[in-house]
Amino acid sequence: MVSGPNIISNLSSSIHETRVGVLQRIMKESPVNLVVAHSIEAKPLIQLFELEKLECDAYPLYGNDSGLVLIVVGMGSERTASAVSYLGDKQKNSRDKVRGWLNIGIAGHQQEALGRGLLAHKISSRTSGKSFYPPMLLKEDLPTSAVITVEQPELNYPENAAYEMEAFGFYSAACNHSTSELVQVYKVVSDNPSNSVEGINQTIVSQWFLHNSNDMKHLLERLAELVVETNLYFRLPQEVDEFSSRLHFSSTQKNQLCRLVQRLHALGSEDFLLALSPHSFHDARQLIRALEDQADRVSENPEK
């Protein structure tokens, strides 16, 4: 069993309603990535979310001004993982902001009716036998299902689950670029024991997606809200950028700087940070030493 850490469960209560304006302002800085395998799935989503083609040299990419990015990855778990890793690396930023990831696609199912939309509460790989359990922060009134990723289309549906070819690779790769709460899978039933995969075509997939469009929109909106709240809650203090722009930091020193500045904020030393000028230091090492000394002094004498 594999399960990511739950770090968002208590966020909502800590974000006051007065921050709504701030959330709206930075929404575009915290986009959601929508991952699909086929053009047959991409087409109705491009229309639904008014996406436009983006320049890209590796995978078809589409986006809109609300921060939504759609990538068409192709079939298969490994191919999906590679595409997710590509996009995640491409979107890395200096302030370590995370993004939401949502895989939408079609899947076969043992019992569910055609066109039924399902949120994954378990994602398993038939090949490895491993499983992920996405936190159900977005469950609400949506029906859920176990999802089993297979290497070839499943025609027998031996378990009461959705069968498809991308979710496990998607989830494992996306969790390397975000928290597990912000990575979700939503499948629309396209075939079952009474209806073979041969009946699938663009027209009917578009109809199914249109039927589930309200749920899809709601999922993306809630996911975007959680992304913004997460980045707001775990944002790096602005001093990190200010110091970094004045002095050269190695990767290790940048991590030290982030931890020390966050520690000083937690200790109530904002005034010390505001009065500190990076021009007073010859190099990053000297600044880090000053921050360490201040943090140690405050820890030992909290009243000073």
Protein backbone atom coordinates (compact mmCIF):
# COMPACT_ATOMS: atom_id res chain seq x y z
CA MET A 1 0.00 0.00 0.00
CA VAL A 2 1.27 3.45 -0.91
CA SER A 3 -0.30 6.61 0.47
CA GLY A 4 0.91 10.21 0.35
CA PRO A 5 1.06 12.44 3.44
CA ASN A 6 -2.07 14.30 4.42
CA ILE A 7 -1.04 17.93 4.86
CA ILE A 8 -4.18 19.77 3.79
CA SER A 9 -6.89 18.35 6.07
CA ASN A 10 -6.83 21.35 8.45
CA LEU A 11 -6.09 24.10 5.95
CA SER A 12 -9.61 25.42 5.37
CA SER A 13 -10.10 26.47 8.99
CA SER A 14 -6.78 28.34 8.93
CA ILE A 15 -7.59 30.40 5.83
CA HIS A 16 -9.84 33.31 6.83
CA GLU A 17 -12.63 34.44 4.52
CA THR A 18 -10.98 37.83 4.20
CA ARG A 19 -8.31 36.19 2.04
CA VAL A 20 -10.79 35.50 -0.77
CA GLY A 21 -9.46 38.45 -2.74
CA VAL A 22 -5.90 37.21 -2.33
CA LEU A 23 -6.90 33.73 -3.50
CA GLN A 24 -8.52 35.14 -6.63
CA ARG A 25 -5.50 37.32 -7.36
CA ILE A 26 -2.98 34.48 -7.26
CA MET A 27 -5.20 31.81 -8.84
CA LYS A 28 -3.43 32.14 -12.17
CA GLU A 29 -0.10 31.53 -10.45
CA SER A 30 -1.33 28.16 -9.16
CA PRO A 31 -2.78 26.32 -12.15
CA VAL A 32 -4.23 22.85 -12.44
CA ASN A 33 -2.90 20.31 -14.92
CA LEU A 34 -5.44 18.16 -16.72
CA VAL A 35 -3.99 14.89 -18.08
CA VAL A 36 -5.72 12.81 -20.77
CA ALA A 37 -4.53 9.87 -22.85
CA HIS A 38 -6.32 10.36 -26.16
CA SER A 39 -7.49 13.10 -28.46
CA ILE A 40 -10.95 11.53 -28.18
CA GLU A 41 -10.92 12.60 -24.51
CA ALA A 42 -9.15 15.89 -25.12
CA LYS A 43 -11.56 17.27 -27.72
CA PRO A 44 -14.66 17.69 -25.51
CA LEU A 45 -12.51 19.06 -22.65
CA ILE A 46 -10.87 21.61 -24.96
CA GLN A 47 -14.33 22.84 -25.90
CA LEU A 48 -15.73 22.66 -22.37
CA PHE A 49 -12.92 24.72 -20.81
CA GLU A 50 -12.23 26.94 -23.84
CA LEU A 51 -8.60 25.86 -24.18
CA GLU A 52 -6.18 27.04 -26.83
CA LYS A 53 -3.18 25.26 -28.29
CA LEU A 54 0.13 26.08 -26.59
CA GLU A 55 3.57 25.89 -28.11
CA CYS A 56 5.29 22.65 -27.13
CA ASP A 57 7.92 20.39 -28.67
CA ALA A 58 7.08 17.12 -26.91
CA TYR A 59 3.35 16.67 -26.20
CA PRO A 60 0.16 18.41 -27.32
CA LEU A 61 -0.58 21.12 -24.74
CA TYR A 62 -3.62 23.38 -24.34
CA GLY A 63 -4.41 26.11 -21.83
CA ASN A 64 -6.66 28.99 -20.82
CA ASP A 65 -6.33 32.20 -18.82
CA SER A 66 -7.73 30.54 -15.67
CA GLY A 67 -4.52 28.57 -15.21
CA LEU A 68 -5.74 25.26 -16.60
CA VAL A 69 -3.27 23.27 -18.71
CA LEU A 70 -4.25 20.12 -20.60
CA ILE A 71 -1.67 17.62 -21.86
CA VAL A 72 -2.37 14.67 -24.18
CA VAL A 73 0.01 11.91 -23.10
CA GLY A 74 -0.82 8.83 -25.16
CA MET A 75 -1.72 5.33 -24.00
CA GLY A 76 0.00 3.35 -21.26
CA SER A 77 1.10 3.83 -17.68
CA GLU A 78 4.81 4.34 -18.39
CA ARG A 79 4.15 6.78 -21.21
CA THR A 80 1.79 8.73 -18.96
CA ALA A 81 4.37 8.86 -16.16
CA SER A 82 6.99 10.20 -18.57
CA ALA A 83 4.67 12.92 -19.87
CA VAL A 84 3.65 13.98 -16.35
CA SER A 85 7.31 14.18 -15.32
CA TYR A 86 8.05 16.26 -18.41
CA LEU A 87 5.29 18.75 -17.65
CA GLY A 88 6.11 18.88 -13.95
CA ASP A 89 9.76 19.64 -14.68
CA LYS A 90 8.77 22.26 -17.24
CA GLN A 91 6.61 24.05 -14.68
CA LYS A 92 9.12 24.15 -11.81
CA ASN A 93 9.44 27.58 -10.25
CA SER A 94 11.75 29.33 -7.84
CA ARG A 95 9.16 29.54 -5.06
CA ASP A 96 8.30 25.83 -5.12
CA LYS A 97 4.59 26.38 -5.74
CA VAL A 98 2.67 23.17 -6.29
CA ARG A 99 -0.02 22.54 -8.86
CA GLY A 100 -3.12 20.41 -8.94
CA TRP A 101 -3.23 17.35 -11.19
CA LEU A 102 -6.39 15.71 -12.51
CA ASN A 103 -6.50 12.71 -14.83
CA ILE A 104 -9.78 12.47 -16.75
CA GLY A 105 -10.42 9.55 -19.07
CA ILE A 106 -12.63 6.70 -20.13
CA ALA A 107 -12.58 3.27 -18.49
CA GLY A 108 -14.30 -0.08 -18.58
CA HIS A 109 -16.22 -1.27 -15.52
CA GLN A 110 -17.69 -4.53 -14.28
CA GLN A 111 -20.98 -3.11 -13.02
CA GLU A 112 -21.39 0.60 -13.72
CA ALA A 113 -23.51 1.94 -16.58
CA LEU A 114 -22.05 3.65 -19.63
CA GLY A 115 -21.40 7.35 -19.12
CA ARG A 116 -21.18 7.09 -15.33
CA GLY A 117 -18.54 9.43 -13.87
CA LEU A 118 -16.41 8.03 -11.02
CA LEU A 119 -13.77 9.54 -8.73
CA ALA A 120 -10.96 7.10 -7.88
CA HIS A 121 -10.63 6.16 -4.19
CA LYS A 122 -8.02 3.48 -4.94
CA ILE A 123 -5.59 3.17 -7.85
CA SER A 124 -3.87 -0.16 -8.43
CA SER A 125 -1.37 -1.56 -10.91
CA ARG A 126 -2.14 -5.05 -12.11
CA THR A 127 1.51 -5.40 -13.15
CA SER A 128 3.12 -4.49 -9.81
CA GLY A 129 0.26 -5.19 -7.44
CA LYS A 130 0.88 -1.84 -5.70
CA SER A 131 -1.89 0.60 -4.83
CA PHE A 132 -2.38 4.27 -4.07
CA TYR A 133 -5.23 5.69 -2.02
CA PRO A 134 -5.91 9.32 -3.06
CA PRO A 135 -7.19 11.40 -0.12
CA MET A 136 -10.90 11.97 -0.67
CA LEU A 137 -10.96 15.71 0.01
CA LEU A 138 -12.94 16.25 -3.20
CA LYS A 139 -15.37 13.35 -2.75
CA GLU A 140 -18.44 15.25 -1.59
CA ASP A 141 -21.44 13.79 -3.47
CA LEU A 142 -19.50 12.17 -6.30
CA PRO A 143 -19.64 8.39 -6.72
CA THR A 144 -16.27 6.68 -6.34
CA SER A 145 -14.63 3.51 -7.57
CA ALA A 146 -11.45 1.51 -7.38
CA VAL A 147 -9.38 1.92 -10.57
CA ILE A 148 -7.10 -0.81 -11.92
CA THR A 149 -4.42 0.11 -14.46
CA VAL A 150 -3.71 -2.64 -16.99
CA GLU A 151 -1.29 -3.00 -19.91
CA GLN A 152 -3.92 -4.09 -22.42
CA PRO A 153 -7.65 -3.27 -22.65
CA GLU A 154 -9.60 -5.41 -20.16
CA LEU A 155 -12.41 -7.39 -21.77
CA ASN A 156 -13.50 -9.63 -18.88
CA TYR A 157 -13.81 -7.16 -15.96
CA PRO A 158 -13.07 -9.69 -13.17
CA GLU A 159 -13.39 -7.18 -10.29
CA ASN A 160 -15.92 -4.51 -9.37
CA ALA A 161 -13.60 -1.72 -10.52
CA ALA A 162 -12.80 0.61 -13.40
CA TYR A 163 -10.18 -0.67 -15.86
CA GLU A 164 -7.93 1.66 -17.83
CA MET A 165 -4.26 2.12 -18.82
CA GLU A 166 -2.96 5.41 -17.37
CA ALA A 167 -4.02 6.19 -13.78
CA PHE A 168 -1.26 4.39 -11.86
CA GLY A 169 1.56 5.96 -13.88
CA PHE A 170 -0.17 9.32 -13.69
CA TYR A 171 -0.60 9.25 -9.92
CA SER A 172 2.87 7.96 -9.10
CA ALA A 173 4.53 10.64 -11.26
CA ALA A 174 2.26 13.55 -10.31
CA CYS A 175 2.86 12.97 -6.60
CA ASN A 176 6.53 13.76 -7.25
CA HIS A 177 5.45 17.29 -8.24
CA SER A 178 2.64 17.94 -5.77
CA THR A 179 1.01 16.63 -2.61
CA SER A 180 -1.19 13.54 -2.80
CA GLU A 181 -4.30 15.55 -1.88
CA LEU A 182 -3.89 17.61 -5.04
CA VAL A 183 -3.64 14.60 -7.37
CA GLN A 184 -6.95 13.02 -8.38
CA VAL A 185 -8.36 10.65 -11.00
CA TYR A 186 -11.82 10.83 -12.57
CA LYS A 187 -13.06 8.19 -15.02
CA VAL A 188 -16.14 7.97 -17.23
CA VAL A 189 -17.40 4.45 -17.93
CA SER A 190 -17.08 3.63 -21.62
CA ASP A 191 -17.57 -0.13 -21.71
CA ASN A 192 -18.81 -3.00 -19.52
CA PRO A 193 -19.75 -6.68 -19.91
CA SER A 194 -22.83 -5.71 -21.93
CA ASN A 195 -21.17 -3.05 -24.10
CA SER A 196 -17.81 -3.71 -25.75
CA VAL A 197 -15.01 -1.23 -26.41
CA GLU A 198 -15.86 -1.45 -30.11
CA GLY A 199 -18.81 0.88 -29.55
CA ILE A 200 -16.62 3.78 -28.42
CA ASN A 201 -16.35 6.77 -30.77
CA GLN A 202 -15.80 10.53 -30.58
CA THR A 203 -19.48 11.41 -30.67
CA ILE A 204 -20.49 9.21 -27.77
CA VAL A 205 -17.45 10.15 -25.65
CA SER A 206 -18.25 13.83 -26.15
CA GLN A 207 -21.84 13.14 -25.06
CA TRP A 208 -20.67 11.33 -21.92
CA PHE A 209 -18.27 14.12 -21.02
CA LEU A 210 -20.97 16.73 -21.59
CA HIS A 211 -23.29 14.76 -19.31
CA ASN A 212 -20.62 14.85 -16.57
CA SER A 213 -19.44 18.39 -17.30
CA ASN A 214 -20.84 19.90 -14.10
CA ASP A 215 -18.99 17.36 -11.96
CA MET A 216 -15.80 17.91 -13.95
CA LYS A 217 -16.05 21.68 -13.55
CA HIS A 218 -16.71 21.32 -9.84
CA LEU A 219 -13.71 19.02 -9.41
CA LEU A 220 -11.41 21.46 -11.16
CA GLU A 221 -12.75 24.44 -9.23
CA ARG A 222 -12.33 22.72 -5.86
CA LEU A 223 -8.89 21.45 -6.82
CA ALA A 224 -7.83 24.94 -7.87
CA GLU A 225 -9.07 26.36 -4.56
CA LEU A 226 -7.06 23.78 -2.63
CA VAL A 227 -3.97 24.53 -4.70
CA VAL A 228 -4.24 28.23 -3.93
CA GLU A 229 -4.84 27.60 -0.23
CA THR A 230 -1.89 25.22 -0.09
CA ASN A 231 0.49 27.62 -1.77
CA LEU A 232 -0.75 30.46 0.41
CA TYR A 233 -0.37 28.42 3.58
CA PHE A 234 3.09 27.10 2.72
CA ARG A 235 4.34 30.10 0.79
CA LEU A 236 7.94 31.16 1.32
CA PRO A 237 8.38 34.53 3.05
CA GLN A 238 9.27 37.35 0.65
CA GLU A 239 12.66 37.76 2.36
CA VAL A 240 13.81 34.57 0.63
CA ASP A 241 13.46 36.22 -2.77
CA GLU A 242 15.00 39.46 -1.56
CA PHE A 243 18.09 37.79 -0.13
CA SER A 244 18.43 35.46 -3.13
CA SER A 245 18.41 38.37 -5.55
CA ARG A 246 21.34 40.05 -3.77
CA LEU A 247 23.60 37.11 -2.98
CA HIS A 248 24.49 33.87 -4.73
CA PHE A 249 23.17 30.75 -3.00
CA SER A 250 23.98 27.13 -3.81
CA SER A 251 21.06 24.68 -3.75
CA THR A 252 22.00 23.60 -0.24
CA GLN A 253 22.34 27.19 0.94
CA LYS A 254 18.97 28.10 -0.61
CA ASN A 255 17.32 25.31 1.39
CA GLN A 256 19.08 26.53 4.55
CA LEU A 257 17.90 30.07 3.85
CA CYS A 258 14.28 28.99 3.41
CA ARG A 259 14.24 26.98 6.64
CA LEU A 260 15.92 29.76 8.65
CA VAL A 261 13.63 32.52 7.40
CA GLN A 262 10.55 30.39 8.07
CA ARG A 263 11.93 29.55 11.53
CA LEU A 264 12.50 33.23 12.35
CA HIS A 265 8.95 34.06 11.29
CA ALA A 266 7.68 31.29 13.56
CA LEU A 267 9.78 32.74 16.40
CA GLY A 268 8.32 36.21 15.89
CA SER A 269 11.52 37.78 14.51
CA GLU A 270 9.90 39.61 11.59
CA ASP A 271 11.39 42.92 12.76
CA PHE A 272 14.87 41.45 12.66
CA LEU A 273 14.32 40.25 9.10
CA LEU A 274 12.90 43.61 8.00
CA ALA A 275 15.93 45.46 9.40
CA LEU A 276 18.40 43.06 7.83
CA SER A 277 20.09 44.30 4.66
CA PRO A 278 21.69 41.72 2.33
CA HIS A 279 24.14 44.46 1.29
CA SER A 280 25.75 44.11 4.72
CA PHE A 281 27.05 40.63 3.91
CA HIS A 282 29.90 39.53 1.69
CA ASP A 283 28.37 36.19 0.74
CA ALA A 284 25.53 33.77 1.41
CA ARG A 285 27.45 31.89 4.07
CA GLN A 286 27.83 35.03 6.19
CA LEU A 287 24.11 35.82 5.93
CA ILE A 288 23.14 32.27 6.88
CA ARG A 289 25.41 32.43 9.92
CA ALA A 290 23.72 35.68 11.04
CA LEU A 291 20.28 34.12 10.65
CA GLU A 292 21.37 31.02 12.59
CA ASP A 293 22.75 33.16 15.42
CA GLN A 294 19.54 35.17 15.66
CA ALA A 295 17.37 32.05 15.64
CA ASP A 296 19.48 30.48 18.39
CA ARG A 297 19.36 33.65 20.51
CA VAL A 298 15.58 33.94 20.24
CA SER A 299 15.11 30.24 20.97
CA GLU A 300 17.24 30.50 24.11
CA ASN A 301 15.71 33.82 25.23
CA PRO A 302 12.19 33.99 23.78
CA GLU A 303 11.38 37.27 25.60
CA LYS A 304 14.20 39.16 23.83
